[in-house]
């Protein structure tokens, strides 16, 4: 079960089941793209839409004015545990400057 916060014909977004901040939303394309490093140029518009959805959700969640982070993990050492491209929208508190 997921708490879906956005969906359309190309994208679905839901709250992360193990949130790292008060706002932690995962944004996923319905098209299967295993990882950022396997992205095709023909998918660039889809990824642009994913970023636009992240911006919309940041507004909806009330974090756009104070700031938030959008992250794509790529590969095992990059922290990607699910073999399907996705964005993390994280915010709602002061985030550290530590990335890893």
C-alpha atoms as a PDB file:
ATOM      1  CA  UNK A   1       0.000   0.000   0.000  1.00  0.00           C
ATOM      2  CA  UNK A   2       1.255   3.453  -0.875  1.00  0.00           C
ATOM      3  CA  UNK A   3       0.078   6.977  -0.212  1.00  0.00           C
ATOM      4  CA  UNK A   4      -0.213   8.220  -3.794  1.00  0.00           C
ATOM      5  CA  UNK A   5       0.070  12.006  -4.068  1.00  0.00           C
ATOM      6  CA  UNK A   6       0.156  12.373  -7.857  1.00  0.00           C
ATOM      7  CA  UNK A   7      -0.494  10.306 -10.951  1.00  0.00           C
ATOM      8  CA  UNK A   8      -1.063  10.768 -14.641  1.00  0.00           C
ATOM      9  CA  UNK A   9      -0.585   8.648 -17.762  1.00  0.00           C
ATOM     10  CA  UNK A  10       3.235   8.813 -17.525  1.00  0.00           C
ATOM     11  CA  UNK A  11       4.151   9.398 -13.878  1.00  0.00           C
ATOM     12  CA  UNK A  12       3.137   8.281 -10.400  1.00  0.00           C
ATOM     13  CA  UNK A  13       4.336   9.756  -7.095  1.00  0.00           C
ATOM     14  CA  UNK A  14       3.882   8.507  -3.556  1.00  0.00           C
ATOM     15  CA  UNK A  15       5.229   9.067  -0.051  1.00  0.00           C
ATOM     16  CA  UNK A  16       8.374   7.066   0.707  1.00  0.00           C
ATOM     17  CA  UNK A  17       7.717   4.184   3.115  1.00  0.00           C
ATOM     18  CA  UNK A  18      10.983   4.995   4.935  1.00  0.00           C
ATOM     19  CA  UNK A  19      11.059   8.813   4.867  1.00  0.00           C
ATOM     20  CA  UNK A  20      14.318  10.686   5.484  1.00  0.00           C
ATOM     21  CA  UNK A  21      12.503  13.985   6.148  1.00  0.00           C
ATOM     22  CA  UNK A  22       8.963  15.200   6.883  1.00  0.00           C
ATOM     23  CA  UNK A  23       8.383  15.435   3.123  1.00  0.00           C
ATOM     24  CA  UNK A  24       9.845  12.501   1.186  1.00  0.00           C
ATOM     25  CA  UNK A  25       8.087  11.661  -2.054  1.00  0.00           C
ATOM     26  CA  UNK A  26       9.212   9.199  -4.714  1.00  0.00           C
ATOM     27  CA  UNK A  27       8.411  10.192  -8.318  1.00  0.00           C
ATOM     28  CA  UNK A  28       8.453   7.345 -10.841  1.00  0.00           C
ATOM     29  CA  UNK A  29       7.876   7.091 -14.581  1.00  0.00           C
ATOM     30  CA  UNK A  30       5.396   4.393 -15.550  1.00  0.00           C
ATOM     31  CA  UNK A  31       7.738   3.487 -18.421  1.00  0.00           C
ATOM     32  CA  UNK A  32      10.414   1.102 -17.206  1.00  0.00           C
ATOM     33  CA  UNK A  33      13.833   2.738 -17.310  1.00  0.00           C
ATOM     34  CA  UNK A  34      16.235   0.710 -15.138  1.00  0.00           C
ATOM     35  CA  UNK A  35      18.580   3.539 -14.159  1.00  0.00           C
ATOM     36  CA  UNK A  36      19.742   7.032 -15.063  1.00  0.00           C
ATOM     37  CA  UNK A  37      22.730   5.576 -16.910  1.00  0.00           C
ATOM     38  CA  UNK A  38      20.345   3.672 -19.191  1.00  0.00           C
ATOM     39  CA  UNK A  39      18.300   6.746 -20.072  1.00  0.00           C
ATOM     40  CA  UNK A  40      17.808   7.301 -23.799  1.00  0.00           C
ATOM     41  CA  UNK A  41      17.701  10.724 -25.402  1.00  0.00           C
ATOM     42  CA  UNK A  42      14.103   9.976 -26.372  1.00  0.00           C
ATOM     43  CA  UNK A  43      13.273   9.818 -22.637  1.00  0.00           C
ATOM     44  CA  UNK A  44      14.549  13.326 -21.872  1.00  0.00           C
ATOM     45  CA  UNK A  45      11.087  14.924 -22.084  1.00  0.00           C
ATOM     46  CA  UNK A  46       9.748  12.355 -19.620  1.00  0.00           C
ATOM     47  CA  UNK A  47      12.506  13.136 -17.118  1.00  0.00           C
ATOM     48  CA  UNK A  48      11.778  16.833 -17.591  1.00  0.00           C
ATOM     49  CA  UNK A  49       8.141  16.151 -16.712  1.00  0.00           C
ATOM     50  CA  UNK A  50       9.276  14.245 -13.604  1.00  0.00           C
ATOM     51  CA  UNK A  51      11.202  17.337 -12.472  1.00  0.00           C
ATOM     52  CA  UNK A  52       8.158  19.516 -13.185  1.00  0.00           C
ATOM     53  CA  UNK A  53       6.049  17.156 -11.042  1.00  0.00           C
ATOM     54  CA  UNK A  54       8.654  17.461  -8.260  1.00  0.00           C
ATOM     55  CA  UNK A  55       8.322  21.256  -8.428  1.00  0.00           C
ATOM     56  CA  UNK A  56       4.515  21.032  -8.297  1.00  0.00           C
ATOM     57  CA  UNK A  57       4.616  18.652  -5.342  1.00  0.00           C
ATOM     58  CA  UNK A  58       7.094  20.896  -3.515  1.00  0.00           C
ATOM     59  CA  UNK A  59       4.518  23.691  -3.847  1.00  0.00           C
ATOM     60  CA  UNK A  60       1.662  21.395  -2.782  1.00  0.00           C
ATOM     61  CA  UNK A  61       3.627  20.159   0.251  1.00  0.00           C
ATOM     62  CA  UNK A  62       4.584  23.695   1.343  1.00  0.00           C
ATOM     63  CA  UNK A  63       8.358  23.299   0.986  1.00  0.00           C
ATOM     64  CA  UNK A  64       8.978  25.284  -2.205  1.00  0.00           C
ATOM     65  CA  UNK A  65       9.668  28.604  -0.463  1.00  0.00           C
ATOM     66  CA  UNK A  66      12.074  27.287   2.187  1.00  0.00           C
ATOM     67  CA  UNK A  67      13.879  24.796  -0.032  1.00  0.00           C
ATOM     68  CA  UNK A  68      14.010  21.122  -0.854  1.00  0.00           C
ATOM     69  CA  UNK A  69      16.197  18.545  -2.559  1.00  0.00           C
ATOM     70  CA  UNK A  70      15.579  16.431  -5.667  1.00  0.00           C
ATOM     71  CA  UNK A  71      17.806  13.350  -5.906  1.00  0.00           C
ATOM     72  CA  UNK A  72      18.351  10.568  -8.433  1.00  0.00           C
ATOM     73  CA  UNK A  73      20.404   7.646  -7.142  1.00  0.00           C
ATOM     74  CA  UNK A  74      22.241   5.707  -9.855  1.00  0.00           C
ATOM     75  CA  UNK A  75      23.742   2.254  -9.357  1.00  0.00           C
ATOM     76  CA  UNK A  76      24.570   0.275  -6.242  1.00  0.00           C
ATOM     77  CA  UNK A  77      27.282   2.602  -4.939  1.00  0.00           C
ATOM     78  CA  UNK A  78      25.051   5.573  -5.720  1.00  0.00           C
ATOM     79  CA  UNK A  79      22.396   4.204  -3.377  1.00  0.00           C
ATOM     80  CA  UNK A  80      19.961   2.878  -5.988  1.00  0.00           C
ATOM     81  CA  UNK A  81      18.230  -0.151  -4.465  1.00  0.00           C
ATOM     82  CA  UNK A  82      15.278  -0.410  -6.861  1.00  0.00           C
ATOM     83  CA  UNK A  83      16.120  -1.060 -10.538  1.00  0.00           C
ATOM     84  CA  UNK A  84      13.664   1.525 -11.878  1.00  0.00           C
ATOM     85  CA  UNK A  85      14.526   5.197 -12.423  1.00  0.00           C
ATOM     86  CA  UNK A  86      12.945   7.480  -9.815  1.00  0.00           C
ATOM     87  CA  UNK A  87      13.375  10.881  -8.180  1.00  0.00           C
ATOM     88  CA  UNK A  88      13.278  11.601  -4.467  1.00  0.00           C
ATOM     89  CA  UNK A  89      11.741  14.905  -3.359  1.00  0.00           C
ATOM     90  CA  UNK A  90      12.986  15.592   0.170  1.00  0.00           C
ATOM     91  CA  UNK A  91      12.223  18.595   2.393  1.00  0.00           C
ATOM     92  CA  UNK A  92      10.315  19.947   5.338  1.00  0.00           C
ATOM     93  CA  UNK A  93      13.353  20.522   7.567  1.00  0.00           C
ATOM     94  CA  UNK A  94      16.888  21.883   7.339  1.00  0.00           C
ATOM     95  CA  UNK A  95      18.782  19.352   5.234  1.00  0.00           C
ATOM     96  CA  UNK A  96      22.458  18.733   5.875  1.00  0.00           C
ATOM     97  CA  UNK A  97      25.047  19.457   3.226  1.00  0.00           C
ATOM     98  CA  UNK A  98      26.198  15.845   3.465  1.00  0.00           C
ATOM     99  CA  UNK A  99      25.160  13.936   0.369  1.00  0.00           C
ATOM    100  CA  UNK A 100      26.569  10.485   1.070  1.00  0.00           C
END
